[in-house]
Amino acid sequence: KEREFVAAIRWSGGSTYYADSVKGRFTVSKDNAKNTVYLQMN
């Protein structure tokens, strides 16, 4: 299959974007101090 979008987040401001297929199940977040982005998948 093609590579598909799941989620995204802005470093500044923290706005988030999700694919419809994962809304309500996945959460994207960031830790600026650790320079790390997370994807929590439930």
PDB file of all heavy atoms in Angstrom:
ATOM      1  N   LYS A   1       0.830  -1.212   0.000  1.00  0.00           N
ATOM      2  CA  LYS A   1       0.000   0.000   0.000  1.00  0.00           C
ATOM      3  C   LYS A   1       0.859   1.254   0.000  1.00  0.00           C
ATOM      4  O   LYS A   1       2.047   1.224   0.311  1.00  0.00           O
ATOM      5  CB  LYS A   1      -0.924  -0.001   1.223  1.00  0.00           C
ATOM      6  CG  LYS A   1      -1.964  -1.101   1.208  1.00  0.00           C
ATOM      7  CD  LYS A   1      -2.977  -0.914   2.312  1.00  0.00           C
ATOM      8  CE  LYS A   1      -4.070  -1.970   2.243  1.00  0.00           C
ATOM      9  NZ  LYS A   1      -5.086  -1.781   3.302  1.00  0.00           N
ATOM     10  N   GLU A   2       0.211   2.361  -0.356  1.00  0.00           N
ATOM     11  CA  GLU A   2       0.884   3.654  -0.332  1.00  0.00           C
ATOM     12  C   GLU A   2       1.110   4.097   1.121  1.00  0.00           C
ATOM     13  O   GLU A   2       0.359   3.728   2.030  1.00  0.00           O
ATOM     14  CB  GLU A   2       0.022   4.706  -1.033  1.00  0.00           C
ATOM     15  CG  GLU A   2      -0.147   4.498  -2.521  1.00  0.00           C
ATOM     16  CD  GLU A   2       1.084   4.955  -3.281  1.00  0.00           C
ATOM     17  OE1 GLU A   2       1.719   5.928  -2.848  1.00  0.00           O
ATOM     18  OE2 GLU A   2       1.399   4.326  -4.303  1.00  0.00           O
ATOM     19  N   ARG A   3       2.147   4.918   1.297  1.00  0.00           N
ATOM     20  CA  ARG A   3       2.363   5.531   2.599  1.00  0.00           C
ATOM     21  C   ARG A   3       1.242   6.551   2.837  1.00  0.00           C
ATOM     22  O   ARG A   3       0.978   7.393   1.976  1.00  0.00           O
ATOM     23  CB  ARG A   3       3.722   6.206   2.654  1.00  0.00           C
ATOM     24  CG  ARG A   3       4.147   6.641   4.028  1.00  0.00           C
ATOM     25  CD  ARG A   3       5.595   7.087   4.055  1.00  0.00           C
ATOM     26  NE  ARG A   3       6.497   5.990   3.689  1.00  0.00           N
ATOM     27  CZ  ARG A   3       7.827   6.058   3.794  1.00  0.00           C
ATOM     28  NH1 ARG A   3       8.389   7.163   4.279  1.00  0.00           N
ATOM     29  NH2 ARG A   3       8.572   5.043   3.422  1.00  0.00           N
ATOM     30  N   GLU A   4       0.616   6.477   4.009  1.00  0.00           N
ATOM     31  CA  GLU A   4      -0.527   7.336   4.274  1.00  0.00           C
ATOM     32  C   GLU A   4      -0.331   8.143   5.541  1.00  0.00           C
ATOM     33  O   GLU A   4       0.338   7.732   6.489  1.00  0.00           O
ATOM     34  CB  GLU A   4      -1.811   6.510   4.387  1.00  0.00           C
ATOM     35  CG  GLU A   4      -1.868   5.550   5.551  1.00  0.00           C
ATOM     36  CD  GLU A   4      -3.215   4.853   5.675  1.00  0.00           C
ATOM     37  OE1 GLU A   4      -4.085   5.036   4.816  1.00  0.00           O
ATOM     38  OE2 GLU A   4      -3.390   4.128   6.669  1.00  0.00           O
ATOM     39  N   PHE A   5      -0.989   9.306   5.530  1.00  0.00           N
ATOM     40  CA  PHE A   5      -0.930  10.217   6.667  1.00  0.00           C
ATOM     41  C   PHE A   5      -1.689   9.633   7.852  1.00  0.00           C
ATOM     42  O   PHE A   5      -2.759   9.034   7.691  1.00  0.00           O
ATOM     43  CB  PHE A   5      -1.554  11.555   6.264  1.00  0.00           C
ATOM     44  CG  PHE A   5      -1.731  12.526   7.394  1.00  0.00           C
ATOM     45  CD1 PHE A   5      -0.654  13.268   7.854  1.00  0.00           C
ATOM     46  CD2 PHE A   5      -2.971  12.687   7.987  1.00  0.00           C
ATOM     47  CE1 PHE A   5      -0.817  14.154   8.895  1.00  0.00           C
ATOM     48  CE2 PHE A   5      -3.145  13.573   9.023  1.00  0.00           C
ATOM     49  CZ  PHE A   5      -2.066  14.314   9.484  1.00  0.00           C
ATOM     50  N   VAL A   6      -1.131   9.836   9.055  1.00  0.00           N
ATOM     51  CA  VAL A   6      -1.789   9.403  10.282  1.00  0.00           C
ATOM     52  C   VAL A   6      -2.135  10.602  11.156  1.00  0.00           C
ATOM     53  O   VAL A   6      -3.291  10.793  11.534  1.00  0.00           O
ATOM     54  CB  VAL A   6      -0.903   8.421  11.076  1.00  0.00           C
ATOM     55  CG1 VAL A   6      -1.553   8.065  12.406  1.00  0.00           C
ATOM     56  CG2 VAL A   6      -0.614   7.168  10.259  1.00  0.00           C
ATOM     57  N   ALA A   7      -1.109  11.411  11.488  1.00  0.00           N
ATOM     58  CA  ALA A   7      -1.330  12.546  12.379  1.00  0.00           C
ATOM     59  C   ALA A   7      -0.167  13.515  12.241  1.00  0.00           C
ATOM     60  O   ALA A   7       0.909  13.142  11.747  1.00  0.00           O
ATOM     61  CB  ALA A   7      -1.453  12.087  13.838  1.00  0.00           C
ATOM     62  N   ALA A   8      -0.377  14.766  12.690  1.00  0.00           N
ATOM     63  CA  ALA A   8       0.685  15.758  12.670  1.00  0.00           C
ATOM     64  C   ALA A   8       0.469  16.761  13.784  1.00  0.00           C
ATOM     65  O   ALA A   8      -0.665  16.914  14.282  1.00  0.00           O
ATOM     66  CB  ALA A   8       0.760  16.466  11.315  1.00  0.00           C
ATOM     67  N   ILE A   9       1.543  17.458  14.160  1.00  0.00           N
ATOM     68  CA  ILE A   9       1.467  18.448  15.224  1.00  0.00           C
ATOM     69  C   ILE A   9       2.467  19.564  14.943  1.00  0.00           C
ATOM     70  O   ILE A   9       3.567  19.326  14.433  1.00  0.00           O
ATOM     71  CB  ILE A   9       1.751  17.805  16.606  1.00  0.00           C
ATOM     72  CG1 ILE A   9       1.512  18.809  17.732  1.00  0.00           C
ATOM     73  CG2 ILE A   9       3.158  17.221  16.665  1.00  0.00           C
ATOM     74  CD1 ILE A   9       1.481  18.152  19.115  1.00  0.00           C
ATOM     75  N   ARG A  10       2.067  20.793  15.242  1.00  0.00           N
ATOM     76  CA  ARG A  10       2.975  21.924  15.133  1.00  0.00           C
ATOM     77  C   ARG A  10       3.807  22.038  16.393  1.00  0.00           C
ATOM     78  O   ARG A  10       3.273  21.945  17.503  1.00  0.00           O
ATOM     79  CB  ARG A  10       2.170  23.221  14.971  1.00  0.00           C
ATOM     80  CG  ARG A  10       1.483  23.404  13.647  1.00  0.00           C
ATOM     81  CD  ARG A  10       0.754  24.749  13.626  1.00  0.00           C
ATOM     82  NE  ARG A  10       0.004  24.950  12.414  1.00  0.00           N
ATOM     83  CZ  ARG A  10       0.449  25.628  11.363  1.00  0.00           C
ATOM     84  NH1 ARG A  10       1.648  26.171  11.391  1.00  0.00           N
ATOM     85  NH2 ARG A  10      -0.300  25.753  10.295  1.00  0.00           N
ATOM     86  N   TRP A  11       5.122  22.253  16.221  1.00  0.00           N
ATOM     87  CA  TRP A  11       5.969  22.461  17.391  1.00  0.00           C
ATOM     88  C   TRP A  11       5.558  23.718  18.143  1.00  0.00           C
ATOM     89  O   TRP A  11       5.539  23.739  19.365  1.00  0.00           O
ATOM     90  CB  TRP A  11       7.435  22.589  16.970  1.00  0.00           C
ATOM     91  CG  TRP A  11       8.110  21.279  16.813  1.00  0.00           C
ATOM     92  CD1 TRP A  11       8.419  20.664  15.642  1.00  0.00           C
ATOM     93  CD2 TRP A  11       8.563  20.397  17.842  1.00  0.00           C
ATOM     94  NE1 TRP A  11       9.026  19.459  15.890  1.00  0.00           N
ATOM     95  CE2 TRP A  11       9.129  19.271  17.229  1.00  0.00           C
ATOM     96  CE3 TRP A  11       8.528  20.454  19.243  1.00  0.00           C
ATOM     97  CZ2 TRP A  11       9.675  18.209  17.944  1.00  0.00           C
ATOM     98  CZ3 TRP A  11       9.072  19.408  19.958  1.00  0.00           C
ATOM     99  CH2 TRP A  11       9.636  18.302  19.309  1.00  0.00           C
ATOM    100  N   SER A  12       5.246  24.776  17.404  1.00  0.00           N
ATOM    101  CA  SER A  12       4.840  26.029  18.031  1.00  0.00           C
ATOM    102  C   SER A  12       3.323  26.123  18.019  1.00  0.00           C
ATOM    103  O   SER A  12       2.708  26.122  16.967  1.00  0.00           O
ATOM    104  CB  SER A  12       5.439  27.203  17.266  1.00  0.00           C
ATOM    105  OG  SER A  12       5.023  28.427  17.829  1.00  0.00           O
ATOM    106  N   GLY A  13       2.722  26.157  19.180  1.00  0.00           N
ATOM    107  CA  GLY A  13       1.268  26.258  19.268  1.00  0.00           C
ATOM    108  C   GLY A  13       0.584  24.935  19.513  1.00  0.00           C
ATOM    109  O   GLY A  13      -0.429  24.872  20.195  1.00  0.00           O
ATOM    110  N   GLY A  14       1.136  23.857  18.944  1.00  0.00           N
ATOM    111  CA  GLY A  14       0.601  22.537  19.227  1.00  0.00           C
ATOM    112  C   GLY A  14      -0.643  22.129  18.482  1.00  0.00           C
ATOM    113  O   GLY A  14      -1.289  21.130  18.840  1.00  0.00           O
ATOM    114  N   SER A  15      -1.012  22.851  17.407  1.00  0.00           N
ATOM    115  CA  SER A  15      -2.176  22.416  16.625  1.00  0.00           C
ATOM    116  C   SER A  15      -1.952  20.998  16.107  1.00  0.00           C
ATOM    117  O   SER A  15      -0.840  20.635  15.744  1.00  0.00           O
ATOM    118  CB  SER A  15      -2.400  23.352  15.446  1.00  0.00           C
ATOM    119  OG  SER A  15      -2.720  24.648  15.881  1.00  0.00           O
ATOM    120  N   THR A  16      -3.020  20.215  16.095  1.00  0.00           N
ATOM    121  CA  THR A  16      -2.919  18.822  15.673  1.00  0.00           C
ATOM    122  C   THR A  16      -3.844  18.523  14.504  1.00  0.00           C
ATOM    123  O   THR A  16      -4.862  19.203  14.297  1.00  0.00           O
ATOM    124  CB  THR A  16      -3.260  17.869  16.827  1.00  0.00           C
ATOM    125  OG1 THR A  16      -4.574  18.195  17.326  1.00  0.00           O
ATOM    126  CG2 THR A  16      -2.247  17.995  17.956  1.00  0.00           C
ATOM    127  N   TYR A  17      -3.480  17.494  13.757  1.00  0.00           N
ATOM    128  CA  TYR A  17      -4.220  17.065  12.570  1.00  0.00           C
ATOM    129  C   TYR A  17      -4.248  15.539  12.570  1.00  0.00           C
ATOM    130  O   TYR A  17      -3.251  14.911  12.912  1.00  0.00           O
ATOM    131  CB  TYR A  17      -3.528  17.568  11.301  1.00  0.00           C
ATOM    132  CG  TYR A  17      -3.126  19.023  11.356  1.00  0.00           C
ATOM    133  CD1 TYR A  17      -1.861  19.404  11.803  1.00  0.00           C
ATOM    134  CD2 TYR A  17      -4.014  20.037  10.975  1.00  0.00           C
ATOM    135  CE1 TYR A  17      -1.494  20.741  11.880  1.00  0.00           C
ATOM    136  CE2 TYR A  17      -3.646  21.376  11.052  1.00  0.00           C
ATOM    137  CZ  TYR A  17      -2.389  21.716  11.497  1.00  0.00           C
ATOM    138  OH  TYR A  17      -2.026  23.042  11.575  1.00  0.00           O
ATOM    139  N   TYR A  18      -5.398  14.970  12.196  1.00  0.00           N
ATOM    140  CA  TYR A  18      -5.550  13.518  12.223  1.00  0.00           C
ATOM    141  C   TYR A  18      -6.236  13.003  10.962  1.00  0.00           C
ATOM    142  O   TYR A  18      -7.123  13.651  10.409  1.00  0.00           O
ATOM    143  CB  TYR A  18      -6.400  13.084  13.423  1.00  0.00           C
ATOM    144  CG  TYR A  18      -5.747  13.333  14.753  1.00  0.00           C
ATOM    145  CD1 TYR A  18      -6.039  14.478  15.487  1.00  0.00           C
ATOM    146  CD2 TYR A  18      -4.832  12.420  15.279  1.00  0.00           C
ATOM    147  CE1 TYR A  18      -5.437  14.714  16.709  1.00  0.00           C
ATOM    148  CE2 TYR A  18      -4.218  12.646  16.505  1.00  0.00           C
ATOM    149  CZ  TYR A  18      -4.532  13.796  17.212  1.00  0.00           C
ATOM    150  OH  TYR A  18      -3.926  14.022  18.421  1.00  0.00           O
ATOM    151  N   ALA A  19      -5.845  11.797  10.564  1.00  0.00           N
ATOM    152  CA  ALA A  19      -6.595  11.094   9.543  1.00  0.00           C
ATOM    153  C   ALA A  19      -7.907  10.618  10.154  1.00  0.00           C
ATOM    154  O   ALA A  19      -7.965  10.285  11.344  1.00  0.00           O
ATOM    155  CB  ALA A  19      -5.795   9.896   9.030  1.00  0.00           C
ATOM    156  N   ASP A  20      -8.956  10.560   9.349  1.00  0.00           N
ATOM    157  CA  ASP A  20     -10.261  10.135   9.859  1.00  0.00           C
ATOM    158  C   ASP A  20     -10.201   8.749  10.465  1.00  0.00           C
ATOM    159  O   ASP A  20     -10.910   8.448  11.433  1.00  0.00           O
ATOM    160  CB  ASP A  20     -11.299  10.166   8.729  1.00  0.00           C
ATOM    161  CG  ASP A  20     -11.674  11.577   8.320  1.00  0.00           C
ATOM    162  OD1 ASP A  20     -11.425  12.520   9.090  1.00  0.00           O
ATOM    163  OD2 ASP A  20     -12.225  11.731   7.214  1.00  0.00           O
ATOM    164  N   SER A  21      -9.360   7.889   9.918  1.00  0.00           N
ATOM    165  CA  SER A  21      -9.301   6.498  10.355  1.00  0.00           C
ATOM    166  C   SER A  21      -8.753   6.333  11.768  1.00  0.00           C
ATOM    167  O   SER A  21      -8.938   5.270  12.380  1.00  0.00           O
ATOM    168  CB  SER A  21      -8.458   5.682   9.385  1.00  0.00           C
ATOM    169  OG  SER A  21      -7.149   6.213   9.309  1.00  0.00           O
ATOM    170  N   VAL A  22      -8.102   7.362  12.293  1.00  0.00           N
ATOM    171  CA  VAL A  22      -7.503   7.234  13.636  1.00  0.00           C
ATOM    172  C   VAL A  22      -8.077   8.217  14.645  1.00  0.00           C
ATOM    173  O   VAL A  22      -7.728   8.158  15.831  1.00  0.00           O
ATOM    174  CB  VAL A  22      -5.968   7.384  13.586  1.00  0.00           C
ATOM    175  CG1 VAL A  22      -5.369   6.412  12.570  1.00  0.00           C
ATOM    176  CG2 VAL A  22      -5.553   8.817  13.286  1.00  0.00           C
ATOM    177  N   LYS A  23      -8.947   9.112  14.200  1.00  0.00           N
ATOM    178  CA  LYS A  23      -9.533  10.092  15.122  1.00  0.00           C
ATOM    179  C   LYS A  23     -10.245   9.385  16.264  1.00  0.00           C
ATOM    180  O   LYS A  23     -10.993   8.436  16.051  1.00  0.00           O
ATOM    181  CB  LYS A  23     -10.523  10.988  14.370  1.00  0.00           C
ATOM    182  CG  LYS A  23      -9.877  12.113  13.610  1.00  0.00           C
ATOM    183  CD  LYS A  23     -10.923  12.975  12.920  1.00  0.00           C
ATOM    184  CE  LYS A  23     -10.277  14.071  12.095  1.00  0.00           C
ATOM    185  NZ  LYS A  23     -11.272  14.856  11.330  1.00  0.00           N
ATOM    186  N   GLY A  24      -9.997   9.869  17.476  1.00  0.00           N
ATOM    187  CA  GLY A  24     -10.627   9.276  18.653  1.00  0.00           C
ATOM    188  C   GLY A  24      -9.858   8.102  19.223  1.00  0.00           C
ATOM    189  O   GLY A  24     -10.151   7.651  20.336  1.00  0.00           O
ATOM    190  N   ARG A  25      -8.878   7.580  18.472  1.00  0.00           N
ATOM    191  CA  ARG A  25      -8.075   6.440  18.955  1.00  0.00           C
ATOM    192  C   ARG A  25      -6.609   6.809  19.142  1.00  0.00           C
ATOM    193  O   ARG A  25      -5.967   6.312  20.069  1.00  0.00           O
ATOM    194  CB  ARG A  25      -8.174   5.270  17.966  1.00  0.00           C
ATOM    195  CG  ARG A  25      -9.581   4.750  17.752  1.00  0.00           C
ATOM    196  CD  ARG A  25      -9.568   3.458  16.914  1.00  0.00           C
ATOM    197  NE  ARG A  25      -9.001   3.662  15.589  1.00  0.00           N
ATOM    198  CZ  ARG A  25      -7.974   2.958  15.103  1.00  0.00           C
ATOM    199  NH1 ARG A  25      -7.402   2.022  15.839  1.00  0.00           N
ATOM    200  NH2 ARG A  25      -7.536   3.178  13.874  1.00  0.00           N
ATOM    201  N   PHE A  26      -6.083   7.646  18.267  1.00  0.00           N
ATOM    202  CA  PHE A  26      -4.683   8.035  18.319  1.00  0.00           C
ATOM    203  C   PHE A  26      -4.562   9.482  18.799  1.00  0.00           C
ATOM    204  O   PHE A  26      -5.420  10.321  18.484  1.00  0.00           O
ATOM    205  CB  PHE A  26      -4.038   7.942  16.941  1.00  0.00           C
ATOM    206  CG  PHE A  26      -3.856   6.545  16.418  1.00  0.00           C
ATOM    207  CD1 PHE A  26      -4.453   5.447  17.020  1.00  0.00           C
ATOM    208  CD2 PHE A  26      -3.078   6.329  15.285  1.00  0.00           C
ATOM    209  CE1 PHE A  26      -4.289   4.163  16.511  1.00  0.00           C
ATOM    210  CE2 PHE A  26      -2.893   5.057  14.770  1.00  0.00           C
ATOM    211  CZ  PHE A  26      -3.504   3.974  15.382  1.00  0.00           C
ATOM    212  N   THR A  27      -3.468   9.769  19.519  1.00  0.00           N
ATOM    213  CA  THR A  27      -3.196  11.126  19.973  1.00  0.00           C
ATOM    214  C   THR A  27      -1.740  11.459  19.708  1.00  0.00           C
ATOM    215  O   THR A  27      -0.845  10.706  20.131  1.00  0.00           O
ATOM    216  CB  THR A  27      -3.482  11.280  21.472  1.00  0.00           C
ATOM    217  OG1 THR A  27      -4.846  10.935  21.733  1.00  0.00           O
ATOM    218  CG2 THR A  27      -3.242  12.716  21.921  1.00  0.00           C
ATOM    219  N   VAL A  28      -1.505  12.578  19.024  1.00  0.00           N
ATOM    220  CA  VAL A  28      -0.143  13.041  18.773  1.00  0.00           C
ATOM    221  C   VAL A  28       0.182  14.131  19.789  1.00  0.00           C
ATOM    222  O   VAL A  28      -0.665  14.977  20.097  1.00  0.00           O
ATOM    223  CB  VAL A  28       0.025  13.535  17.317  1.00  0.00           C
ATOM    224  CG1 VAL A  28      -0.898  14.699  16.997  1.00  0.00           C
ATOM    225  CG2 VAL A  28       1.479  13.887  17.033  1.00  0.00           C
ATOM    226  N   SER A  29       1.388  14.093  20.332  1.00  0.00           N
ATOM    227  CA  SER A  29       1.809  15.079  21.319  1.00  0.00           C
ATOM    228  C   SER A  29       3.303  15.316  21.185  1.00  0.00           C
ATOM    229  O   SER A  29       3.983  14.636  20.402  1.00  0.00           O
ATOM    230  CB  SER A  29       1.455  14.609  22.732  1.00  0.00           C
ATOM    231  OG  SER A  29       2.161  13.428  23.053  1.00  0.00           O
ATOM    232  N   LYS A  30       3.818  16.286  21.946  1.00  0.00           N
ATOM    233  CA  LYS A  30       5.241  16.611  21.854  1.00  0.00           C
ATOM    234  C   LYS A  30       5.765  17.017  23.200  1.00  0.00           C
ATOM    235  O   LYS A  30       5.011  17.447  24.076  1.00  0.00           O
ATOM    236  CB  LYS A  30       5.454  17.738  20.836  1.00  0.00           C
ATOM    237  CG  LYS A  30       4.706  19.031  21.202  1.00  0.00           C
ATOM    238  CD  LYS A  30       4.852  20.063  20.122  1.00  0.00           C
ATOM    239  CE  LYS A  30       4.045  21.320  20.430  1.00  0.00           C
ATOM    240  NZ  LYS A  30       4.535  22.032  21.618  1.00  0.00           N
ATOM    241  N   ASP A  31       7.074  16.877  23.356  1.00  0.00           N
ATOM    242  CA  ASP A  31       7.775  17.357  24.534  1.00  0.00           C
ATOM    243  C   ASP A  31       8.914  18.218  24.017  1.00  0.00           C
ATOM    244  O   ASP A  31       9.935  17.703  23.551  1.00  0.00           O
ATOM    245  CB  ASP A  31       8.291  16.171  25.364  1.00  0.00           C
ATOM    246  CG  ASP A  31       8.917  16.620  26.674  1.00  0.00           C
ATOM    247  OD1 ASP A  31       9.490  17.727  26.726  1.00  0.00           O
ATOM    248  OD2 ASP A  31       8.859  15.857  27.635  1.00  0.00           O
ATOM    249  N   ASN A  32       8.712  19.544  24.078  1.00  0.00           N
ATOM    250  CA  ASN A  32       9.707  20.450  23.504  1.00  0.00           C
ATOM    251  C   ASN A  32      11.053  20.314  24.203  1.00  0.00           C
ATOM    252  O   ASN A  32      12.101  20.368  23.551  1.00  0.00           O
ATOM    253  CB  ASN A  32       9.216  21.895  23.613  1.00  0.00           C
ATOM    254  CG  ASN A  32       8.042  22.167  22.707  1.00  0.00           C
ATOM    255  OD1 ASN A  32       7.068  21.414  22.685  1.00  0.00           O
ATOM    256  ND2 ASN A  32       8.102  23.228  21.947  1.00  0.00           N
ATOM    257  N   ALA A  33      11.039  20.107  25.502  1.00  0.00           N
ATOM    258  CA  ALA A  33      12.292  20.008  26.253  1.00  0.00           C
ATOM    259  C   ALA A  33      13.106  18.790  25.832  1.00  0.00           C
ATOM    260  O   ALA A  33      14.337  18.815  25.851  1.00  0.00           O
ATOM    261  CB  ALA A  33      12.006  19.955  27.752  1.00  0.00           C
ATOM    262  N   LYS A  34      12.408  17.730  25.433  1.00  0.00           N
ATOM    263  CA  LYS A  34      13.095  16.495  25.028  1.00  0.00           C
ATOM    264  C   LYS A  34      13.239  16.384  23.521  1.00  0.00           C
ATOM    265  O   LYS A  34      13.788  15.391  23.024  1.00  0.00           O
ATOM    266  CB  LYS A  34      12.335  15.279  25.558  1.00  0.00           C
ATOM    267  CG  LYS A  34      12.320  15.163  27.077  1.00  0.00           C
ATOM    268  CD  LYS A  34      11.596  13.900  27.513  1.00  0.00           C
ATOM    269  CE  LYS A  34      11.615  13.762  29.029  1.00  0.00           C
ATOM    270  NZ  LYS A  34      10.909  12.530  29.480  1.00  0.00           N
ATOM    271  N   ASN A  35      12.725  17.370  22.788  1.00  0.00           N
ATOM    272  CA  ASN A  35      12.746  17.300  21.318  1.00  0.00           C
ATOM    273  C   ASN A  35      12.187  15.964  20.828  1.00  0.00           C
ATOM    274  O   ASN A  35      12.783  15.292  19.967  1.00  0.00           O
ATOM    275  CB  ASN A  35      14.165  17.500  20.787  1.00  0.00           C
ATOM    276  CG  ASN A  35      14.453  18.957  20.490  1.00  0.00           C
ATOM    277  OD1 ASN A  35      13.621  19.826  20.706  1.00  0.00           O
ATOM    278  ND2 ASN A  35      15.652  19.240  20.001  1.00  0.00           N
ATOM    279  N   THR A  36      11.064  15.590  21.376  1.00  0.00           N
ATOM    280  CA  THR A  36      10.462  14.297  21.060  1.00  0.00           C
ATOM    281  C   THR A  36       8.978  14.457  20.757  1.00  0.00           C
ATOM    282  O   THR A  36       8.286  15.234  21.414  1.00  0.00           O
ATOM    283  CB  THR A  36      10.652  13.312  22.229  1.00  0.00           C
ATOM    284  OG1 THR A  36      12.044  13.154  22.474  1.00  0.00           O
ATOM    285  CG2 THR A  36      10.044  11.950  21.910  1.00  0.00           C
ATOM    286  N   VAL A  37       8.532  13.731  19.756  1.00  0.00           N
ATOM    287  CA  VAL A  37       7.122  13.693  19.384  1.00  0.00           C
ATOM    288  C   VAL A  37       6.608  12.275  19.656  1.00  0.00           C
ATOM    289  O   VAL A  37       7.345  11.300  19.449  1.00  0.00           O
ATOM    290  CB  VAL A  37       6.939  14.050  17.901  1.00  0.00           C
ATOM    291  CG1 VAL A  37       5.480  13.935  17.481  1.00  0.00           C
ATOM    292  CG2 VAL A  37       7.443  15.455  17.640  1.00  0.00           C
ATOM    293  N   TYR A  38       5.366  12.192  20.104  1.00  0.00           N
ATOM    294  CA  TYR A  38       4.788  10.898  20.464  1.00  0.00           C
ATOM    295  C   TYR A  38       3.522  10.627  19.656  1.00  0.00           C
ATOM    296  O   TYR A  38       2.830  11.553  19.223  1.00  0.00           O
ATOM    297  CB  TYR A  38       4.429  10.879  21.949  1.00  0.00           C
ATOM    298  CG  TYR A  38       5.579  11.169  22.860  1.00  0.00           C
ATOM    299  CD1 TYR A  38       5.770  12.449  23.381  1.00  0.00           C
ATOM    300  CD2 TYR A  38       6.502  10.180  23.192  1.00  0.00           C
ATOM    301  CE1 TYR A  38       6.835  12.731  24.222  1.00  0.00           C
ATOM    302  CE2 TYR A  38       7.569  10.446  24.032  1.00  0.00           C
ATOM    303  CZ  TYR A  38       7.730  11.723  24.539  1.00  0.00           C
ATOM    304  OH  TYR A  38       8.791  11.999  25.360  1.00  0.00           O
ATOM    305  N   LEU A  39       3.229   9.355  19.502  1.00  0.00           N
ATOM    306  CA  LEU A  39       1.953   8.941  18.931  1.00  0.00           C
ATOM    307  C   LEU A  39       1.381   7.867  19.850  1.00  0.00           C
ATOM    308  O   LEU A  39       1.880   6.738  19.868  1.00  0.00           O
ATOM    309  CB  LEU A  39       2.105   8.411  17.508  1.00  0.00           C
ATOM    310  CG  LEU A  39       0.791   8.056  16.813  1.00  0.00           C
ATOM    311  CD1 LEU A  39      -0.029   9.327  16.542  1.00  0.00           C
ATOM    312  CD2 LEU A  39       1.045   7.310  15.506  1.00  0.00           C
ATOM    313  N   GLN A  40       0.396   8.242  20.646  1.00  0.00           N
ATOM    314  CA  GLN A  40      -0.282   7.291  21.510  1.00  0.00           C
ATOM    315  C   GLN A  40      -1.397   6.633  20.706  1.00  0.00           C
ATOM    316  O   GLN A  40      -2.290   7.316  20.187  1.00  0.00           O
ATOM    317  CB  GLN A  40      -0.877   8.012  22.723  1.00  0.00           C
ATOM    318  CG  GLN A  40      -1.668   7.107  23.657  1.00  0.00           C
ATOM    319  CD  GLN A  40      -0.802   6.074  24.338  1.00  0.00           C
ATOM    320  OE1 GLN A  40       0.284   6.398  24.821  1.00  0.00           O
ATOM    321  NE2 GLN A  40      -1.273   4.839  24.398  1.00  0.00           N
ATOM    322  N   MET A  41      -1.343   5.313  20.623  1.00  0.00           N
ATOM    323  CA  MET A  41      -2.297   4.569  19.809  1.00  0.00           C
ATOM    324  C   MET A  41      -3.103   3.644  20.719  1.00  0.00           C
ATOM    325  O   MET A  41      -2.537   2.737  21.338  1.00  0.00           O
ATOM    326  CB  MET A  41      -1.565   3.757  18.737  1.00  0.00           C
ATOM    327  CG  MET A  41      -0.642   4.603  17.875  1.00  0.00           C
ATOM    328  SD  MET A  41       0.113   3.670  16.523  1.00  0.00           S
ATOM    329  CE  MET A  41       1.135   2.532  17.448  1.00  0.00           C
ATOM    330  N   ASN A  42      -4.381   3.902  20.811  1.00  0.00           N
ATOM    331  CA  ASN A  42      -5.284   3.095  21.640  1.00  0.00           C
ATOM    332  C   ASN A  42      -6.287   2.355  20.767  1.00  0.00           C
ATOM    333  O   ASN A  42      -6.524   2.728  19.615  1.00  0.00           O
ATOM    334  CB  ASN A  42      -6.026   3.996  22.627  1.00  0.00           C
ATOM    335  CG  ASN A  42      -5.103   4.683  23.597  1.00  0.00           C
ATOM    336  OD1 ASN A  42      -4.055   4.167  23.966  1.00  0.00           O
ATOM    337  ND2 ASN A  42      -5.493   5.886  24.018  1.00  0.00           N
TER     338      ASN A  42
END
